[in-house]
N, C-alpha and C. Protein backbone atom coordinates (compact mmCIF):
# COMPACT_ATOMS: atom_id res chain seq x y z
N MET A 1 6.77 21.03 -1.91
CA MET A 1 6.40 19.68 -1.90
C MET A 1 5.45 19.59 -1.05
N GLU A 2 4.37 18.66 -1.13
CA GLU A 2 3.50 18.35 0.21
C GLU A 2 3.67 17.22 0.92
N VAL A 3 3.65 17.31 2.10
CA VAL A 3 4.09 16.08 3.05
C VAL A 3 2.59 15.46 3.30
N LYS A 4 2.66 13.96 3.08
CA LYS A 4 1.33 13.74 3.18
C LYS A 4 1.37 12.62 4.33
N GLU A 5 0.35 12.80 5.35
CA GLU A 5 0.64 12.10 6.49
C GLU A 5 0.12 10.60 6.35
N MET A 6 1.02 9.89 6.68
CA MET A 6 0.87 8.03 6.35
C MET A 6 0.42 7.48 7.79
N ALA A 7 0.21 6.28 7.34
CA ALA A 7 -0.36 5.14 8.68
C ALA A 7 0.82 5.19 9.69
N LYS A 8 0.20 5.25 10.67
CA LYS A 8 1.14 4.85 11.94
C LYS A 8 1.41 3.43 12.22
N ASN A 9 2.67 3.20 12.51
CA ASN A 9 2.98 1.54 13.04
C ASN A 9 3.05 1.59 14.40
N THR A 10 2.55 0.51 14.56
CA THR A 10 2.25 0.41 16.09
C THR A 10 3.34 -0.47 16.62
N GLY A 11 4.19 -1.37 15.88
CA GLY A 11 5.45 -2.06 16.45
C GLY A 11 4.80 -3.46 16.91
N ARG A 12 3.16 -3.87 16.66
CA ARG A 12 2.60 -4.94 17.27
C ARG A 12 2.34 -5.81 15.80
N GLY A 13 2.82 -5.50 14.93
CA GLY A 13 2.50 -6.09 13.57
C GLY A 13 1.57 -5.55 12.88
N HIS A 14 0.83 -4.35 12.82
CA HIS A 14 -0.14 -3.92 12.22
C HIS A 14 -0.27 -2.42 12.18
N ARG A 15 -0.98 -1.51 11.34
CA ARG A 15 -0.75 -0.30 11.27
C ARG A 15 -2.35 0.39 11.98
N VAL A 16 -2.09 1.44 12.55
CA VAL A 16 -3.31 2.46 12.73
C VAL A 16 -3.57 3.15 11.80
N GLY A 17 -5.00 3.04 10.95
CA GLY A 17 -5.10 3.76 9.84
C GLY A 17 -4.60 3.31 8.72
N ALA A 18 -5.45 4.07 7.58
CA ALA A 18 -5.06 3.33 6.22
C ALA A 18 -3.83 3.80 5.53
N VAL A 19 -3.04 3.57 4.54
CA VAL A 19 -1.87 4.20 3.74
C VAL A 19 -2.41 5.12 2.54
N LYS A 20 -2.42 6.39 2.59
CA LYS A 20 -3.01 7.11 1.84
C LYS A 20 -2.07 6.84 0.45
N SER A 21 -3.07 7.13 -0.73
CA SER A 21 -2.37 7.35 -2.11
C SER A 21 -1.53 6.45 -2.38
N ARG A 22 -2.41 5.03 -1.84
CA ARG A 22 -1.44 3.73 -2.41
C ARG A 22 -2.82 2.75 -2.29
N SER A 23 -2.71 1.95 -3.42
CA SER A 23 -3.56 0.69 -3.87
C SER A 23 -2.55 -0.46 -3.95
N GLU A 24 -3.13 -1.76 -4.13
CA GLU A 24 -2.57 -2.94 -4.43
C GLU A 24 -3.60 -3.92 -5.54
N PHE A 25 -3.00 -4.55 -6.05
CA PHE A 25 -3.80 -5.55 -6.92
C PHE A 25 -2.63 -6.59 -7.18
N LYS A 26 -3.23 -8.05 -7.39
CA LYS A 26 -2.65 -9.24 -7.56
C LYS A 26 -2.68 -9.47 -8.69
N ARG A 27 -1.48 -10.10 -9.32
CA ARG A 27 -1.22 -10.53 -10.71
C ARG A 27 -0.54 -11.90 -10.16
N GLY A 28 -1.16 -13.20 -10.81
CA GLY A 28 -0.54 -14.33 -10.68
C GLY A 28 -0.52 -14.55 -9.00
N THR A 29 0.85 -14.70 -8.41
CA THR A 29 1.09 -15.08 -6.79
C THR A 29 1.38 -13.46 -6.40
N THR A 30 1.69 -12.59 -7.06
CA THR A 30 2.42 -11.43 -6.43
C THR A 30 1.47 -10.23 -6.46
N TRP A 31 1.54 -9.61 -4.97
CA TRP A 31 0.55 -8.41 -5.02
C TRP A 31 1.91 -7.15 -5.15
N PHE A 32 0.88 -6.36 -6.31
CA PHE A 32 1.83 -5.03 -6.51
C PHE A 32 1.28 -3.91 -5.90
N LYS A 33 1.93 -2.91 -5.23
CA LYS A 33 1.63 -1.83 -4.66
C LYS A 33 1.56 -0.64 -5.63
N ARG A 34 0.67 0.22 -5.93
CA ARG A 34 0.52 1.21 -6.84
C ARG A 34 0.40 2.62 -6.20
N ASP A 35 1.02 3.84 -6.65
CA ASP A 35 0.73 4.97 -6.43
C ASP A 35 -0.50 5.42 -6.93
N THR A 36 -1.55 5.69 -6.26
CA THR A 36 -3.13 5.96 -6.75
C THR A 36 -3.04 7.45 -7.70
N GLY A 37 -2.06 8.55 -7.47
CA GLY A 37 -2.02 9.47 -8.18
C GLY A 37 -1.29 9.53 -9.67
N THR A 38 0.05 8.91 -9.48
CA THR A 38 0.78 8.55 -10.87
C THR A 38 0.04 7.39 -11.38
N GLY A 39 -0.23 6.34 -10.82
CA GLY A 39 -0.55 4.95 -11.49
C GLY A 39 0.78 4.16 -11.46
N ARG A 40 1.99 4.58 -10.85
CA ARG A 40 3.04 3.87 -10.94
C ARG A 40 3.12 2.70 -9.92
N ILE A 41 3.70 1.55 -10.19
CA ILE A 41 3.78 0.56 -9.59
C ILE A 41 5.16 0.57 -8.63
N LEU A 42 5.24 0.50 -7.35
CA LEU A 42 6.45 0.73 -6.64
C LEU A 42 6.88 -0.21 -6.23
N ASN A 43 6.02 -1.33 -5.79
CA ASN A 43 6.66 -2.47 -5.08
C ASN A 43 5.92 -3.86 -5.39
N GLY A 44 6.58 -4.93 -5.39
CA GLY A 44 6.17 -6.09 -5.74
C GLY A 44 6.08 -7.01 -4.46
N SER A 45 5.33 -8.01 -4.02
CA SER A 45 5.65 -9.06 -2.89
C SER A 45 4.61 -10.60 -2.85
N PRO A 46 5.16 -11.26 -2.31
CA PRO A 46 4.37 -12.23 -2.38
C PRO A 46 3.04 -12.50 -1.24
N ASN A 47 3.18 -11.42 -0.32
CA ASN A 47 2.19 -11.15 0.46
C ASN A 47 1.81 -10.08 0.48
N GLN A 48 0.27 -9.86 1.06
CA GLN A 48 -0.35 -8.41 0.71
C GLN A 48 0.53 -7.33 1.80
N HIS A 49 0.35 -5.90 1.32
CA HIS A 49 0.94 -5.26 1.82
C HIS A 49 -0.02 -4.51 3.10
N LYS A 50 0.63 -4.21 4.54
CA LYS A 50 -0.24 -3.86 5.43
C LYS A 50 -0.85 -2.60 5.39
N GLY A 51 -2.28 -2.46 5.51
CA GLY A 51 -2.61 -0.82 5.48
C GLY A 51 -2.89 -0.66 4.47
N VAL A 52 -2.67 -1.18 3.27
CA VAL A 52 -2.71 -0.67 1.73
C VAL A 52 -4.38 -1.05 0.97
N ARG A 53 -4.85 -0.38 0.49
CA ARG A 53 -6.61 -0.98 0.21
C ARG A 53 -6.32 -1.64 -1.43
N ASN A 54 -7.25 -2.71 -1.18
CA ASN A 54 -7.11 -3.31 -2.56
C ASN A 54 -7.89 -2.84 -3.52
N GLU A 55 -7.44 -3.04 -4.93
CA GLU A 55 -8.12 -2.63 -6.01
C GLU A 55 -9.38 -3.27 -6.26
N LYS A 56 -10.41 -3.13 -7.16
CA LYS A 56 -11.36 -4.18 -7.62
C LYS A 56 -11.17 -4.39 -8.95
């Protein structure tokens, strides 16, 4: 199993660096986080996820 380096939490409400292997998209009023390797939806939230890139 390969361990991937994730973004670092600063404790000040933001991250340093992007979260790798994740993207997010919006459906209606909900933001969904997706694993870019498998395409699987991981999480839904009314707010955007910090440090995760948006899909076009």
